[in-house]
Amino acid sequence: IVQMHVKYTSSKDSVLFNSFGMPQPITMEVPESQFKGSFEEALKEFSAGDSGQFLIAADSIFRAEFGAPRPKFIDSGSFLKFTVKILKDEKKEA
């Protein structure tokens, strides 16, 4: 379970989502990875207090993670840039 702020932008720097200005951070249980190089796979490399940026193929993330077709304004073959700041992480109790 991760508490974080996240921002993601298109390859042309259009902001698609940004929680950094929101009053509450995003809290989510990190599910199993949907594909090699996924958002979940990247998150598992971070710990509380870490921040960083990574790129994910737009075609893959829209198809596998967002469950939606890639919008026409995002080029096929491009990448989305994610900026994350992990505020808290905790292991799920078994």
Protein backbone atom coordinates (compact mmCIF):
# COMPACT_ATOMS: atom_id res chain seq x y z
CA ILE A 1 0.00 0.00 0.00
CA VAL A 2 1.53 3.26 -1.15
CA GLN A 3 0.67 6.87 -0.37
CA MET A 4 2.10 9.17 -3.03
CA HIS A 5 1.80 12.15 -5.26
CA VAL A 6 2.03 11.48 -8.97
CA LYS A 7 2.06 13.56 -12.11
CA TYR A 8 2.12 12.25 -15.64
CA THR A 9 2.61 14.09 -18.87
CA SER A 10 2.62 13.28 -22.56
CA SER A 11 5.81 13.35 -24.61
CA LYS A 12 4.78 16.89 -25.58
CA ASP A 13 4.59 17.92 -21.87
CA SER A 14 0.78 18.08 -21.73
CA VAL A 15 -0.21 17.37 -18.13
CA LEU A 16 -2.62 14.43 -18.08
CA PHE A 17 -2.86 14.09 -14.29
CA ASN A 18 -1.27 15.84 -11.31
CA SER A 19 -1.97 15.08 -7.65
CA PHE A 20 0.82 17.33 -6.30
CA GLY A 21 -1.62 20.24 -5.90
CA MET A 22 -4.39 18.14 -4.37
CA PRO A 23 -5.09 18.31 -0.63
CA GLN A 24 -4.81 14.52 -0.21
CA PRO A 25 -2.21 12.22 -1.75
CA ILE A 26 -3.13 9.14 -3.76
CA THR A 27 -3.36 5.95 -1.71
CA MET A 28 -3.36 2.63 -3.53
CA GLU A 29 -2.58 -1.01 -3.10
CA VAL A 30 0.07 -1.79 -5.70
CA PRO A 31 -1.25 -4.71 -7.78
CA GLU A 32 0.80 -7.19 -9.75
CA SER A 33 2.51 -5.79 -12.82
CA GLN A 34 0.42 -5.81 -16.01
CA PHE A 35 3.47 -5.83 -18.31
CA LYS A 36 7.25 -5.48 -18.23
CA GLY A 37 8.08 -1.86 -17.48
CA SER A 38 4.66 -1.09 -15.96
CA PHE A 39 3.75 1.62 -13.47
CA GLU A 40 3.40 -1.03 -10.74
CA GLU A 41 6.82 -2.45 -11.51
CA ALA A 42 8.35 1.01 -11.22
CA LEU A 43 6.55 1.77 -7.93
CA LYS A 44 7.97 -1.36 -6.32
CA GLU A 45 11.46 0.14 -6.71
CA PHE A 46 10.58 3.14 -4.52
CA SER A 47 10.43 3.46 -0.72
CA ALA A 48 8.97 6.11 1.58
CA GLY A 49 10.72 9.44 0.99
CA ASP A 50 11.87 8.52 -2.53
CA SER A 51 10.97 10.54 -5.58
CA GLY A 52 11.84 10.14 -9.21
CA GLN A 53 10.77 10.08 -12.82
CA PHE A 54 10.30 7.26 -15.29
CA LEU A 55 8.90 6.72 -18.78
CA ILE A 56 6.29 4.17 -19.81
CA ALA A 57 5.21 3.37 -23.37
CA ALA A 58 1.90 5.16 -23.97
CA ASP A 59 0.47 2.31 -26.07
CA SER A 60 1.14 -0.22 -23.30
CA ILE A 61 -0.14 1.82 -20.39
CA PHE A 62 -3.40 2.85 -22.06
CA ARG A 63 -4.13 -0.69 -23.21
CA ALA A 64 -3.06 -2.63 -20.09
CA GLU A 65 -3.43 -0.22 -17.18
CA PHE A 66 -6.01 2.39 -18.13
CA GLY A 67 -8.17 -0.08 -20.06
CA ALA A 68 -8.86 2.55 -22.68
CA PRO A 69 -7.67 3.32 -26.19
CA ARG A 70 -4.78 5.74 -26.50
CA PRO A 71 -6.15 9.26 -27.14
CA LYS A 72 -5.44 10.61 -30.61
CA PHE A 73 -3.43 13.54 -29.21
CA ILE A 74 -0.88 11.09 -27.76
CA ASP A 75 1.34 9.70 -30.51
CA SER A 76 1.64 5.96 -31.01
CA GLY A 77 5.11 4.85 -29.97
CA SER A 78 5.52 7.78 -27.56
CA PHE A 79 6.06 7.64 -23.82
CA LEU A 80 4.30 9.12 -20.81
CA LYS A 81 6.56 10.69 -18.20
CA PHE A 82 5.68 9.92 -14.59
CA THR A 83 6.95 11.95 -11.64
CA VAL A 84 6.30 10.33 -8.25
CA LYS A 85 6.98 11.17 -4.62
CA ILE A 86 6.37 8.31 -2.19
CA LEU A 87 5.10 9.64 1.12
CA LYS A 88 4.43 6.34 2.81
CA ASP A 89 4.66 2.66 1.95
CA GLU A 90 3.60 -0.28 4.00
CA LYS A 91 3.50 -3.99 3.45
CA LYS A 92 0.08 -5.54 3.38
CA GLU A 93 -0.65 -7.70 6.40
CA ALA A 94 -1.17 -11.35 5.48
